[in-house]
PDB file of N, CA and C in Angstrom:
ATOM      1  N   MET A   1      15.326   5.294 -15.784  1.00  0.00           N
ATOM      2  CA  MET A   1      14.083   4.853 -15.173  1.00  0.00           C
ATOM      3  C   MET A   1      12.933   5.268 -16.081  1.00  0.00           C
ATOM      4  N   SER A   2      11.962   4.384 -16.297  1.00  0.00           N
ATOM      5  CA  SER A   2      10.821   4.691 -17.150  1.00  0.00           C
ATOM      6  C   SER A   2       9.937   5.739 -16.477  1.00  0.00           C
ATOM      7  N   ARG A   3       9.171   6.426 -17.293  1.00  0.00           N
ATOM      8  CA  ARG A   3       8.280   7.462 -16.773  1.00  0.00           C
ATOM      9  C   ARG A   3       7.287   6.866 -15.773  1.00  0.00           C
ATOM     10  N   GLN A   4       6.702   5.703 -16.099  1.00  0.00           N
ATOM     11  CA  GLN A   4       5.727   5.079 -15.198  1.00  0.00           C
ATOM     12  C   GLN A   4       6.377   4.654 -13.884  1.00  0.00           C
ATOM     13  N   ARG A   5       7.582   4.096 -13.965  1.00  0.00           N
ATOM     14  CA  ARG A   5       8.280   3.683 -12.742  1.00  0.00           C
ATOM     15  C   ARG A   5       8.618   4.908 -11.895  1.00  0.00           C
ATOM     16  N   ASP A   6       8.999   6.001 -12.554  1.00  0.00           N
ATOM     17  CA  ASP A   6       9.314   7.234 -11.840  1.00  0.00           C
ATOM     18  C   ASP A   6       8.073   7.774 -11.123  1.00  0.00           C
ATOM     19  N   LYS A   7       6.908   7.721 -11.789  1.00  0.00           N
ATOM     20  CA  LYS A   7       5.659   8.144 -11.149  1.00  0.00           C
ATOM     21  C   LYS A   7       5.375   7.285  -9.917  1.00  0.00           C
ATOM     22  N   GLY A   8       5.554   5.974 -10.059  1.00  0.00           N
ATOM     23  CA  GLY A   8       5.314   5.067  -8.947  1.00  0.00           C
ATOM     24  C   GLY A   8       6.233   5.348  -7.775  1.00  0.00           C
ATOM     25  N   THR A   9       7.506   5.584  -8.071  1.00  0.00           N
ATOM     26  CA  THR A   9       8.483   5.880  -7.025  1.00  0.00           C
ATOM     27  C   THR A   9       8.123   7.169  -6.293  1.00  0.00           C
ATOM     28  N   ARG A  10       7.715   8.193  -7.037  1.00  0.00           N
ATOM     29  CA  ARG A  10       7.318   9.462  -6.405  1.00  0.00           C
ATOM     30  C   ARG A  10       6.121   9.264  -5.481  1.00  0.00           C
ATOM     31  N   PHE A  11       5.134   8.473  -5.940  1.00  0.00           N
ATOM     32  CA  PHE A  11       3.951   8.249  -5.100  1.00  0.00           C
ATOM     33  C   PHE A  11       4.304   7.439  -3.860  1.00  0.00           C
ATOM     34  N   GLU A  12       5.104   6.384  -4.013  1.00  0.00           N
ATOM     35  CA  GLU A  12       5.524   5.577  -2.865  1.00  0.00           C
ATOM     36  C   GLU A  12       6.260   6.438  -1.846  1.00  0.00           C
ATOM     37  N   THR A  13       7.177   7.270  -2.324  1.00  0.00           N
ATOM     38  CA  THR A  13       7.968   8.135  -1.444  1.00  0.00           C
ATOM     39  C   THR A  13       7.072   9.121  -0.707  1.00  0.00           C
ATOM     40  N   ALA A  14       6.119   9.731  -1.422  1.00  0.00           N
ATOM     41  CA  ALA A  14       5.186  10.672  -0.797  1.00  0.00           C
ATOM     42  C   ALA A  14       4.307   9.955   0.227  1.00  0.00           C
ATOM     43  N   PHE A  15       3.863   8.740  -0.101  1.00  0.00           N
ATOM     44  CA  PHE A  15       3.020   7.962   0.808  1.00  0.00           C
ATOM     45  C   PHE A  15       3.772   7.639   2.098  1.00  0.00           C
ATOM     46  N   VAL A  16       5.012   7.166   1.969  1.00  0.00           N
ATOM     47  CA  VAL A  16       5.806   6.818   3.151  1.00  0.00           C
ATOM     48  C   VAL A  16       6.045   8.055   4.015  1.00  0.00           C
ATOM     49  N   ALA A  17       6.413   9.168   3.410  1.00  0.00           N
ATOM     50  CA  ALA A  17       6.660  10.389   4.176  1.00  0.00           C
ATOM     51  C   ALA A  17       5.396  10.828   4.917  1.00  0.00           C
ATOM     52  N   TYR A  18       4.266  10.759   4.243  1.00  0.00           N
ATOM     53  CA  TYR A  18       2.999  11.146   4.866  1.00  0.00           C
ATOM     54  C   TYR A  18       2.663  10.221   6.035  1.00  0.00           C
ATOM     55  N   GLU A  19       2.770   8.921   5.830  1.00  0.00           N
ATOM     56  CA  GLU A  19       2.440   7.966   6.887  1.00  0.00           C
ATOM     57  C   GLU A  19       3.374   8.104   8.083  1.00  0.00           C
ATOM     58  N   ARG A  20       4.646   8.363   7.839  1.00  0.00           N
ATOM     59  CA  ARG A  20       5.577   8.571   8.957  1.00  0.00           C
ATOM     60  C   ARG A  20       5.129   9.741   9.810  1.00  0.00           C
ATOM     61  N   ARG A  21       4.748  10.841   9.147  1.00  0.00           N
ATOM     62  CA  ARG A  21       4.284  12.021   9.892  1.00  0.00           C
ATOM     63  C   ARG A  21       2.946  11.738  10.576  1.00  0.00           C
ATOM     64  N   ALA A  22       2.000  11.184   9.829  1.00  0.00           N
ATOM     65  CA  ALA A  22       0.642  10.978  10.353  1.00  0.00           C
ATOM     66  C   ALA A  22       0.614   9.994  11.517  1.00  0.00           C
ATOM     67  N   LEU A  23       1.430   8.940  11.416  1.00  0.00           N
ATOM     68  CA  LEU A  23       1.425   7.899  12.445  1.00  0.00           C
ATOM     69  C   LEU A  23       2.568   8.039  13.448  1.00  0.00           C
ATOM     70  N   GLY A  24       3.472   8.981  13.207  1.00  0.00           N
ATOM     71  CA  GLY A  24       4.597   9.186  14.117  1.00  0.00           C
ATOM     72  C   GLY A  24       5.522   7.985  14.189  1.00  0.00           C
ATOM     73  N   ASP A  25       5.677   7.299  13.074  1.00  0.00           N
ATOM     74  CA  ASP A  25       6.465   6.057  13.054  1.00  0.00           C
ATOM     75  C   ASP A  25       7.481   6.094  11.924  1.00  0.00           C
ATOM     76  N   HIS A  26       8.744   6.259  12.285  1.00  0.00           N
ATOM     77  CA  HIS A  26       9.795   6.329  11.274  1.00  0.00           C
ATOM     78  C   HIS A  26      10.286   4.952  10.835  1.00  0.00           C
ATOM     79  N   GLY A  27       9.656   3.896  11.331  1.00  0.00           N
ATOM     80  CA  GLY A  27       9.972   2.545  10.876  1.00  0.00           C
ATOM     81  C   GLY A  27       9.235   2.178   9.594  1.00  0.00           C
ATOM     82  N   ILE A  28       8.298   3.041   9.177  1.00  0.00           N
ATOM     83  CA  ILE A  28       7.585   2.810   7.924  1.00  0.00           C
ATOM     84  C   ILE A  28       8.562   3.070   6.790  1.00  0.00           C
ATOM     85  N   ARG A  29       8.614   2.132   5.832  1.00  0.00           N
ATOM     86  CA  ARG A  29       9.650   2.229   4.797  1.00  0.00           C
ATOM     87  C   ARG A  29       9.182   1.635   3.478  1.00  0.00           C
ATOM     88  N   ARG A  30       9.824   2.108   2.406  1.00  0.00           N
ATOM     89  CA  ARG A  30       9.627   1.495   1.093  1.00  0.00           C
ATOM     90  C   ARG A  30      10.394   0.189   1.083  1.00  0.00           C
ATOM     91  N   ALA A  31       9.793  -0.838   0.522  1.00  0.00           N
ATOM     92  CA  ALA A  31      10.440  -2.149   0.428  1.00  0.00           C
ATOM     93  C   ALA A  31      11.295  -2.209  -0.826  1.00  0.00           C
ATOM     94  N   ALA A  32      12.371  -2.951  -0.733  1.00  0.00           N
ATOM     95  CA  ALA A  32      13.220  -3.169  -1.911  1.00  0.00           C
ATOM     96  C   ALA A  32      12.488  -4.088  -2.875  1.00  0.00           C
ATOM     97  N   PRO A  33      12.624  -3.856  -4.186  1.00  0.00           N
ATOM     98  CA  PRO A  33      11.987  -4.763  -5.155  1.00  0.00           C
ATOM     99  C   PRO A  33      12.460  -6.198  -4.911  1.00  0.00           C
ATOM    100  N   SER A  34      11.513  -7.140  -5.010  1.00  0.00           N
ATOM    101  CA  SER A  34      11.889  -8.525  -4.722  1.00  0.00           C
ATOM    102  C   SER A  34      11.502  -9.491  -5.840  1.00  0.00           C
ATOM    103  N   GLY A  35      11.385  -8.992  -7.051  1.00  0.00           N
ATOM    104  CA  GLY A  35      11.167  -9.859  -8.204  1.00  0.00           C
ATOM    105  C   GLY A  35       9.821 -10.539  -8.232  1.00  0.00           C
ATOM    106  N   SER A  36       9.809 -11.800  -8.622  1.00  0.00           N
ATOM    107  CA  SER A  36       8.554 -12.520  -8.843  1.00  0.00           C
ATOM    108  C   SER A  36       7.794 -12.795  -7.549  1.00  0.00           C
ATOM    109  N   ARG A  37       8.460 -12.737  -6.410  1.00  0.00           N
ATOM    110  CA  ARG A  37       7.786 -12.936  -5.117  1.00  0.00           C
ATOM    111  C   ARG A  37       7.692 -11.590  -4.393  1.00  0.00           C
ATOM    112  N   ASP A  38       7.139 -10.626  -5.103  1.00  0.00           N
ATOM    113  CA  ASP A  38       7.011  -9.261  -4.596  1.00  0.00           C
ATOM    114  C   ASP A  38       6.313  -9.272  -3.245  1.00  0.00           C
ATOM    115  N   GLU A  39       6.812  -8.460  -2.331  1.00  0.00           N
ATOM    116  CA  GLU A  39       6.262  -8.388  -0.977  1.00  0.00           C
ATOM    117  C   GLU A  39       5.625  -7.040  -0.688  1.00  0.00           C
ATOM    118  N   GLY A  40       5.211  -6.329  -1.739  1.00  0.00           N
ATOM    119  CA  GLY A  40       4.562  -5.035  -1.554  1.00  0.00           C
ATOM    120  C   GLY A  40       5.545  -3.895  -1.589  1.00  0.00           C
ATOM    121  N   ASP A  41       5.001  -2.676  -1.602  1.00  0.00           N
ATOM    122  CA  ASP A  41       5.825  -1.473  -1.732  1.00  0.00           C
ATOM    123  C   ASP A  41       6.176  -0.832  -0.396  1.00  0.00           C
ATOM    124  N   VAL A  42       5.295  -0.944   0.587  1.00  0.00           N
ATOM    125  CA  VAL A  42       5.504  -0.264   1.868  1.00  0.00           C
ATOM    126  C   VAL A  42       5.306  -1.259   3.007  1.00  0.00           C
ATOM    127  N   HIS A  43       6.252  -1.247   3.925  1.00  0.00           N
ATOM    128  CA  HIS A  43       6.216  -2.114   5.110  1.00  0.00           C
ATOM    129  C   HIS A  43       6.382  -1.247   6.358  1.00  0.00           C
ATOM    130  N   GLY A  44       6.109  -1.851   7.497  1.00  0.00           N
ATOM    131  CA  GLY A  44       6.334  -1.166   8.769  1.00  0.00           C
ATOM    132  C   GLY A  44       5.083  -0.533   9.355  1.00  0.00           C
ATOM    133  N   ILE A  45       3.924  -0.795   8.745  1.00  0.00           N
ATOM    134  CA  ILE A  45       2.661  -0.302   9.288  1.00  0.00           C
ATOM    135  C   ILE A  45       1.957  -1.484   9.944  1.00  0.00           C
ATOM    136  N   SER A  46       1.497  -1.284  11.158  1.00  0.00           N
ATOM    137  CA  SER A  46       0.780  -2.364  11.840  1.00  0.00           C
ATOM    138  C   SER A  46      -0.358  -1.775  12.661  1.00  0.00           C
ATOM    139  N   CYS A  47      -1.251  -2.659  13.045  1.00  0.00           N
ATOM    140  CA  CYS A  47      -2.384  -2.279  13.893  1.00  0.00           C
ATOM    141  C   CYS A  47      -2.802  -3.516  14.667  1.00  0.00           C
ATOM    142  N   GLY A  48      -3.947  -3.480  15.301  1.00  0.00           N
ATOM    143  CA  GLY A  48      -4.425  -4.624  16.061  1.00  0.00           C
ATOM    144  C   GLY A  48      -4.550  -5.887  15.226  1.00  0.00           C
ATOM    145  N   ALA A  49      -4.723  -5.715  13.916  1.00  0.00           N
ATOM    146  CA  ALA A  49      -4.839  -6.868  13.014  1.00  0.00           C
ATOM    147  C   ALA A  49      -3.475  -7.435  12.656  1.00  0.00           C
ATOM    148  N   GLY A  50      -2.397  -6.759  13.013  1.00  0.00           N
ATOM    149  CA  GLY A  50      -1.049  -7.218  12.696  1.00  0.00           C
ATOM    150  C   GLY A  50      -0.385  -6.362  11.643  1.00  0.00           C
ATOM    151  N   GLU A  51       0.529  -6.960  10.912  1.00  0.00           N
ATOM    152  CA  GLU A  51       1.327  -6.253   9.903  1.00  0.00           C
ATOM    153  C   GLU A  51       0.495  -6.003   8.649  1.00  0.00           C
ATOM    154  N   ILE A  52       0.612  -4.781   8.123  1.00  0.00           N
ATOM    155  CA  ILE A  52      -0.083  -4.388   6.897  1.00  0.00           C
ATOM    156  C   ILE A  52       0.943  -4.155   5.802  1.00  0.00           C
ATOM    157  N   VAL A  53       0.726  -4.758   4.644  1.00  0.00           N
ATOM    158  CA  VAL A  53       1.558  -4.521   3.464  1.00  0.00           C
ATOM    159  C   VAL A  53       0.768  -3.634   2.517  1.00  0.00           C
ATOM    160  N   VAL A  54       1.416  -2.593   2.006  1.00  0.00           N
ATOM    161  CA  VAL A  54       0.747  -1.646   1.124  1.00  0.00           C
ATOM    162  C   VAL A  54       1.357  -1.737  -0.269  1.00  0.00           C
ATOM    163  N   GLU A  55       0.502  -1.889  -1.250  1.00  0.00           N
ATOM    164  CA  GLU A  55       0.887  -1.814  -2.659  1.00  0.00           C
ATOM    165  C   GLU A  55       0.446  -0.434  -3.142  1.00  0.00           C
ATOM    166  N   CYS A  56       1.374   0.360  -3.672  1.00  0.00           N
ATOM    167  CA  CYS A  56       1.064   1.711  -4.138  1.00  0.00           C
ATOM    168  C   CYS A  56       0.891   1.714  -5.651  1.00  0.00           C
ATOM    169  N   LYS A  57      -0.105   2.447  -6.122  1.00  0.00           N
ATOM    170  CA  LYS A  57      -0.388   2.540  -7.546  1.00  0.00           C
ATOM    171  C   LYS A  57      -0.594   3.996  -7.942  1.00  0.00           C
ATOM    172  N   ASP A  58       0.073   4.386  -9.023  1.00  0.00           N
ATOM    173  CA  ASP A  58      -0.128   5.701  -9.627  1.00  0.00           C
ATOM    174  C   ASP A  58      -0.344   5.464 -11.119  1.00  0.00           C
ATOM    175  N   CYS A  59      -1.563   5.131 -11.474  1.00  0.00           N
ATOM    176  CA  CYS A  59      -1.915   4.750 -12.848  1.00  0.00           C
ATOM    177  C   CYS A  59      -3.117   5.568 -13.308  1.00  0.00           C
ATOM    178  N   ARG A  60      -3.156   5.866 -14.579  1.00  0.00           N
ATOM    179  CA  ARG A  60      -4.291   6.584 -15.130  1.00  0.00           C
ATOM    180  C   ARG A  60      -5.545   5.705 -15.139  1.00  0.00           C
ATOM    181  N   ARG A  61      -5.386   4.425 -15.498  1.00  0.00           N
ATOM    182  CA  ARG A  61      -6.508   3.481 -15.516  1.00  0.00           C
ATOM    183  C   ARG A  61      -6.532   2.698 -14.210  1.00  0.00           C
ATOM    184  N   TYR A  62      -7.704   2.570 -13.642  1.00  0.00           N
ATOM    185  CA  TYR A  62      -7.858   1.803 -12.414  1.00  0.00           C
ATOM    186  C   TYR A  62      -8.159   0.349 -12.763  1.00  0.00           C
ATOM    187  N   GLU A  63      -7.342  -0.550 -12.259  1.00  0.00           N
ATOM    188  CA  GLU A  63      -7.534  -1.985 -12.459  1.00  0.00           C
ATOM    189  C   GLU A  63      -7.733  -2.629 -11.090  1.00  0.00           C
ATOM    190  N   LEU A  64      -8.864  -2.308 -10.481  1.00  0.00           N
ATOM    191  CA  LEU A  64      -9.110  -2.637  -9.082  1.00  0.00           C
ATOM    192  C   LEU A  64      -9.001  -4.133  -8.790  1.00  0.00           C
ATOM    193  N   ARG A  65      -9.603  -4.961  -9.616  1.00  0.00           N
ATOM    194  CA  ARG A  65      -9.555  -6.406  -9.367  1.00  0.00           C
ATOM    195  C   ARG A  65      -8.111  -6.905  -9.379  1.00  0.00           C
ATOM    196  N   GLU A  66      -7.336  -6.493 -10.368  1.00  0.00           N
ATOM    197  CA  GLU A  66      -5.932  -6.911 -10.460  1.00  0.00           C
ATOM    198  C   GLU A  66      -5.139  -6.366  -9.284  1.00  0.00           C
ATOM    199  N   TRP A  67      -5.381  -5.133  -8.890  1.00  0.00           N
ATOM    200  CA  TRP A  67      -4.666  -4.537  -7.759  1.00  0.00           C
ATOM    201  C   TRP A  67      -4.958  -5.295  -6.464  1.00  0.00           C
ATOM    202  N   LEU A  68      -6.225  -5.675  -6.250  1.00  0.00           N
ATOM    203  CA  LEU A  68      -6.566  -6.444  -5.046  1.00  0.00           C
ATOM    204  C   LEU A  68      -5.886  -7.801  -5.057  1.00  0.00           C
ATOM    205  N   ARG A  69      -5.892  -8.466  -6.209  1.00  0.00           N
ATOM    206  CA  ARG A  69      -5.234  -9.764  -6.331  1.00  0.00           C
ATOM    207  C   ARG A  69      -3.751  -9.617  -5.996  1.00  0.00           C
ATOM    208  N   GLN A  70      -3.134  -8.576  -6.507  1.00  0.00           N
ATOM    209  CA  GLN A  70      -1.713  -8.326  -6.262  1.00  0.00           C
ATOM    210  C   GLN A  70      -1.454  -8.050  -4.776  1.00  0.00           C
ATOM    211  N   ALA A  71      -2.287  -7.239  -4.145  1.00  0.00           N
ATOM    212  CA  ALA A  71      -2.102  -6.923  -2.719  1.00  0.00           C
ATOM    213  C   ALA A  71      -2.229  -8.176  -1.854  1.00  0.00           C
ATOM    214  N   GLU A  72      -3.164  -9.038  -2.183  1.00  0.00           N
ATOM    215  CA  GLU A  72      -3.343 -10.278  -1.420  1.00  0.00           C
ATOM    216  C   GLU A  72      -2.142 -11.213  -1.616  1.00  0.00           C
ATOM    217  N   ALA A  73      -1.645 -11.326  -2.841  1.00  0.00           N
ATOM    218  CA  ALA A  73      -0.468 -12.168  -3.106  1.00  0.00           C
ATOM    219  C   ALA A  73       0.753 -11.621  -2.373  1.00  0.00           C
ATOM    220  N   GLU A  74       0.932 -10.306  -2.380  1.00  0.00           N
ATOM    221  CA  GLU A  74       2.078  -9.692  -1.712  1.00  0.00           C
ATOM    222  C   GLU A  74       1.970  -9.825  -0.201  1.00  0.00           C
ATOM    223  N   ARG A  75       0.757  -9.765   0.318  1.00  0.00           N
ATOM    224  CA  ARG A  75       0.538 -10.018   1.750  1.00  0.00           C
ATOM    225  C   ARG A  75       1.034 -11.418   2.101  1.00  0.00           C
ATOM    226  N   ASP A  76       0.643 -12.399   1.288  1.00  0.00           N
ATOM    227  CA  ASP A  76       1.075 -13.779   1.531  1.00  0.00           C
ATOM    228  C   ASP A  76       2.591 -13.910   1.397  1.00  0.00           C
ATOM    229  N   ASN A  77       3.169 -13.302   0.361  1.00  0.00           N
ATOM    230  CA  ASN A  77       4.625 -13.373   0.144  1.00  0.00           C
ATOM    231  C   ASN A  77       5.401 -12.776   1.308  1.00  0.00           C
ATOM    232  N   ALA A  78       4.873 -11.699   1.883  1.00  0.00           N
ATOM    233  CA  ALA A  78       5.554 -11.008   2.983  1.00  0.00           C
ATOM    234  C   ALA A  78       5.262 -11.644   4.342  1.00  0.00           C
ATOM    235  N   GLY A  79       4.311 -12.567   4.391  1.00  0.00           N
ATOM    236  CA  GLY A  79       3.916 -13.142   5.677  1.00  0.00           C
ATOM    237  C   GLY A  79       3.192 -12.129   6.547  1.00  0.00           C
ATOM    238  N   ALA A  80       2.549 -11.151   5.902  1.00  0.00           N
ATOM    239  CA  ALA A  80       1.819 -10.115   6.629  1.00  0.00           C
ATOM    240  C   ALA A  80       0.385 -10.574   6.879  1.00  0.00           C
ATOM    241  N   ASP A  81      -0.344  -9.768   7.625  1.00  0.00           N
ATOM    242  CA  ASP A  81      -1.714 -10.117   7.989  1.00  0.00           C
ATOM    243  C   ASP A  81      -2.761  -9.486   7.081  1.00  0.00           C
ATOM    244  N   VAL A  82      -2.469  -8.302   6.563  1.00  0.00           N
ATOM    245  CA  VAL A  82      -3.419  -7.560   5.738  1.00  0.00           C
ATOM    246  C   VAL A  82      -2.662  -6.945   4.565  1.00  0.00           C
ATOM    247  N   GLY A  83      -3.301  -6.985   3.392  1.00  0.00           N
ATOM    248  CA  GLY A  83      -2.755  -6.323   2.205  1.00  0.00           C
ATOM    249  C   GLY A  83      -3.743  -5.295   1.699  1.00  0.00           C
ATOM    250  N   VAL A  84      -3.262  -4.078   1.436  1.00  0.00           N
ATOM    251  CA  VAL A  84      -4.112  -3.011   0.915  1.00  0.00           C
ATOM    252  C   VAL A  84      -3.408  -2.337  -0.253  1.00  0.00           C
ATOM    253  N   VAL A  85      -4.191  -1.602  -1.024  1.00  0.00           N
ATOM    254  CA  VAL A  85      -3.666  -0.829  -2.152  1.00  0.00           C
ATOM    255  C   VAL A  85      -3.908   0.640  -1.848  1.00  0.00           C
ATOM    256  N   ALA A  86      -2.872   1.446  -1.896  1.00  0.00           N
ATOM    257  CA  ALA A  86      -3.012   2.901  -1.825  1.00  0.00           C
ATOM    258  C   ALA A  86      -2.839   3.398  -3.248  1.00  0.00           C
ATOM    259  N   PHE A  87      -3.791   4.214  -3.725  1.00  0.00           N
ATOM    260  CA  PHE A  87      -3.656   4.669  -5.103  1.00  0.00           C
ATOM    261  C   PHE A  87      -3.940   6.143  -5.257  1.00  0.00           C
ATOM    262  N   HIS A  88      -3.241   6.701  -6.240  1.00  0.00           N
ATOM    263  CA  HIS A  88      -3.324   8.116  -6.582  1.00  0.00           C
ATOM    264  C   HIS A  88      -4.597   8.342  -7.373  1.00  0.00           C
ATOM    265  N   LEU A  89      -5.477   9.167  -6.855  1.00  0.00           N
ATOM    266  CA  LEU A  89      -6.717   9.494  -7.541  1.00  0.00           C
ATOM    267  C   LEU A  89      -6.447  10.510  -8.646  1.00  0.00           C
ATOM    268  N   ASN A  90      -6.958  10.227  -9.822  1.00  0.00           N
ATOM    269  CA  ASN A  90      -6.827  11.172 -10.932  1.00  0.00           C
ATOM    270  C   ASN A  90      -7.433  12.509 -10.518  1.00  0.00           C
ATOM    271  N   GLY A  91      -6.718  13.587 -10.784  1.00  0.00           N
ATOM    272  CA  GLY A  91      -7.212  14.924 -10.476  1.00  0.00           C
ATOM    273  C   GLY A  91      -6.868  15.420  -9.085  1.00  0.00           C
ATOM    274  N   VAL A  92      -6.261  14.578  -8.257  1.00  0.00           N
ATOM    275  CA  VAL A  92      -5.847  14.986  -6.908  1.00  0.00           C
ATOM    276  C   VAL A  92      -4.326  15.069  -6.916  1.00  0.00           C
ATOM    277  N   GLY A  93      -3.784  16.184  -6.494  1.00  0.00           N
ATOM    278  CA  GLY A  93      -2.330  16.361  -6.506  1.00  0.00           C
ATOM    279  C   GLY A  93      -1.620  15.299  -5.691  1.00  0.00           C
ATOM    280  N   ILE A  94      -0.480  14.861  -6.200  1.00  0.00           N
ATOM    281  CA  ILE A  94       0.265  13.793  -5.529  1.00  0.00           C
ATOM    282  C   ILE A  94       0.710  14.208  -4.128  1.00  0.00           C
ATOM    283  N   ALA A  95       0.919  15.502  -3.910  1.00  0.00           N
ATOM    284  CA  ALA A  95       1.347  15.971  -2.588  1.00  0.00           C
ATOM    285  C   ALA A  95       0.222  15.872  -1.559  1.00  0.00           C
ATOM    286  N   ASP A  96      -1.013  15.748  -2.021  1.00  0.00           N
ATOM    287  CA  ASP A  96      -2.162  15.663  -1.119  1.00  0.00           C
ATOM    288  C   ASP A  96      -2.443  14.193  -0.805  1.00  0.00           C
ATOM    289  N   VAL A  97      -1.481  13.536  -0.169  1.00  0.00           N
ATOM    290  CA  VAL A  97      -1.565  12.091   0.076  1.00  0.00           C
ATOM    291  C   VAL A  97      -2.767  11.739   0.941  1.00  0.00           C
ATOM    292  N   GLY A  98      -3.112  12.564   1.897  1.00  0.00           N
ATOM    293  CA  GLY A  98      -4.235  12.275   2.770  1.00  0.00           C
ATOM    294  C   GLY A  98      -5.572  12.215   2.056  1.00  0.00           C
ATOM    295  N   SER A  99      -5.655  12.760   0.847  1.00  0.00           N
ATOM    296  CA  SER A  99      -6.891  12.719   0.061  1.00  0.00           C
ATOM    297  C   SER A  99      -6.863  11.639  -1.017  1.00  0.00           C
ATOM    298  N   GLN A 100      -5.818  10.826  -1.045  1.00  0.00           N
ATOM    299  CA  GLN A 100      -5.759   9.714  -1.992  1.00  0.00           C
ATOM    300  C   GLN A 100      -6.636   8.588  -1.461  1.00  0.00           C
ATOM    301  N   ALA A 101      -6.612   7.431  -2.084  1.00  0.00           N
ATOM    302  CA  ALA A 101      -7.541   6.363  -1.705  1.00  0.00           C
ATOM    303  C   ALA A 101      -6.808   5.094  -1.303  1.00  0.00           C
ATOM    304  N   VAL A 102      -7.490   4.284  -0.487  1.00  0.00           N
ATOM    305  CA  VAL A 102      -7.001   2.959  -0.098  1.00  0.00           C
ATOM    306  C   VAL A 102      -8.085   1.959  -0.475  1.00  0.00           C
ATOM    307  N   LEU A 103      -7.653   0.852  -1.074  1.00  0.00           N
ATOM    308  CA  LEU A 103      -8.552  -0.198  -1.537  1.00  0.00           C
ATOM    309  C   LEU A 103      -8.188  -1.487  -0.822  1.00  0.00           C
ATOM    310  N   MET A 104      -9.205  -2.228  -0.371  1.00  0.00           N
ATOM    311  CA  MET A 104      -8.956  -3.512   0.287  1.00  0.00           C
ATOM    312  C   MET A 104     -10.168  -4.401   0.100  1.00  0.00           C
ATOM    313  N   THR A 105      -9.983  -5.678   0.320  1.00  0.00           N
ATOM    314  CA  THR A 105     -11.117  -6.594   0.292  1.00  0.00           C
ATOM    315  C   THR A 105     -11.944  -6.416   1.556  1.00  0.00           C
ATOM    316  N   VAL A 106     -13.136  -6.928   1.534  1.00  0.00           N
ATOM    317  CA  VAL A 106     -13.991  -6.878   2.720  1.00  0.00           C
ATOM    318  C   VAL A 106     -13.359  -7.702   3.842  1.00  0.00           C
ATOM    319  N   ASP A 107     -12.717  -8.827   3.506  1.00  0.00           N
ATOM    320  CA  ASP A 107     -12.042  -9.622   4.543  1.00  0.00           C
ATOM    321  C   ASP A 107     -10.916  -8.827   5.196  1.00  0.00           C
ATOM    322  N   ALA A 108     -10.157  -8.067   4.407  1.00  0.00           N
ATOM    323  CA  ALA A 108      -9.096  -7.230   4.981  1.00  0.00           C
ATOM    324  C   ALA A 108      -9.697  -6.155   5.875  1.00  0.00           C
ATOM    325  N   PHE A 109     -10.778  -5.545   5.429  1.00  0.00           N
ATOM    326  CA  PHE A 109     -11.464  -4.533   6.225  1.00  0.00           C
ATOM    327  C   PHE A 109     -11.945  -5.128   7.555  1.00  0.00           C
ATOM    328  N   ASN A 110     -12.560  -6.308   7.480  1.00  0.00           N
ATOM    329  CA  ASN A 110     -13.051  -6.955   8.701  1.00  0.00           C
ATOM    330  C   ASN A 110     -11.917  -7.299   9.658  1.00  0.00           C
ATOM    331  N   ALA A 111     -10.772  -7.732   9.122  1.00  0.00           N
ATOM    332  CA  ALA A 111      -9.621  -8.008   9.975  1.00  0.00           C
ATOM    333  C   ALA A 111      -9.165  -6.742  10.691  1.00  0.00           C
ATOM    334  N   LEU A 112      -9.152  -5.624  10.002  1.00  0.00           N
ATOM    335  CA  LEU A 112      -8.766  -4.359  10.631  1.00  0.00           C
ATOM    336  C   LEU A 112      -9.765  -3.961  11.721  1.00  0.00           C
ATOM    337  N   VAL A 113     -11.037  -4.085  11.420  1.00  0.00           N
ATOM    338  CA  VAL A 113     -12.073  -3.698  12.383  1.00  0.00           C
ATOM    339  C   VAL A 113     -12.072  -4.623  13.590  1.00  0.00           C
ATOM    340  N   ALA A 114     -11.902  -5.923  13.350  1.00  0.00           N
ATOM    341  CA  ALA A 114     -11.936  -6.903  14.436  1.00  0.00           C
ATOM    342  C   ALA A 114     -10.642  -6.938  15.228  1.00  0.00           C
ATOM    343  N   GLY A 115      -9.573  -6.366  14.671  1.00  0.00           N
ATOM    344  CA  GLY A 115      -8.307  -6.335  15.384  1.00  0.00           C
ATOM    345  C   GLY A 115      -7.466  -7.580  15.201  1.00  0.00           C
ATOM    346  N   GLY A 116      -7.781  -8.389  14.222  1.00  0.00           N
ATOM    347  CA  GLY A 116      -6.994  -9.590  13.961  1.00  0.00           C
ATOM    348  C   GLY A 116      -7.530 -10.340  12.758  1.00  0.00           C
ATOM    349  N   ALA A 117      -6.738 -11.281  12.284  1.00  0.00           N
ATOM    350  CA  ALA A 117      -7.136 -12.040  11.102  1.00  0.00           C
ATOM    351  C   ALA A 117      -8.411 -12.818  11.381  1.00  0.00           C
ATOM    352  N   LEU A 118      -9.249 -12.897  10.363  1.00  0.00           N
ATOM    353  CA  LEU A 118     -10.517 -13.625  10.502  1.00  0.00           C
ATOM    354  C   LEU A 118     -10.416 -14.976   9.843  1.00  0.00           C
TER     355      LEU A 118
END
């Protein structure tokens, strides 16, 4: 496994474990890789807006526009309602998942606030 892929796997695993504890939901899981029609890294999180697909990133350089585009495409591929990016902040320990960041479009944010797709 490449070093970058290993970093990504560690972050995804830490994110899933944290979300299971924080939300009390053991149905939250890492998704199996699905090739060119990627459906995101984490599934099983939902809210009033419906199913949320999470794309996890552990990269030194932030490519926010590309990450948002990827999260939206994976949301569509998975048939989910909202796509977000959870990313490891430089300088914050990977074990401190609650202090990492989540990135989403304003439309995704509005769907979460309104409790459904807009």
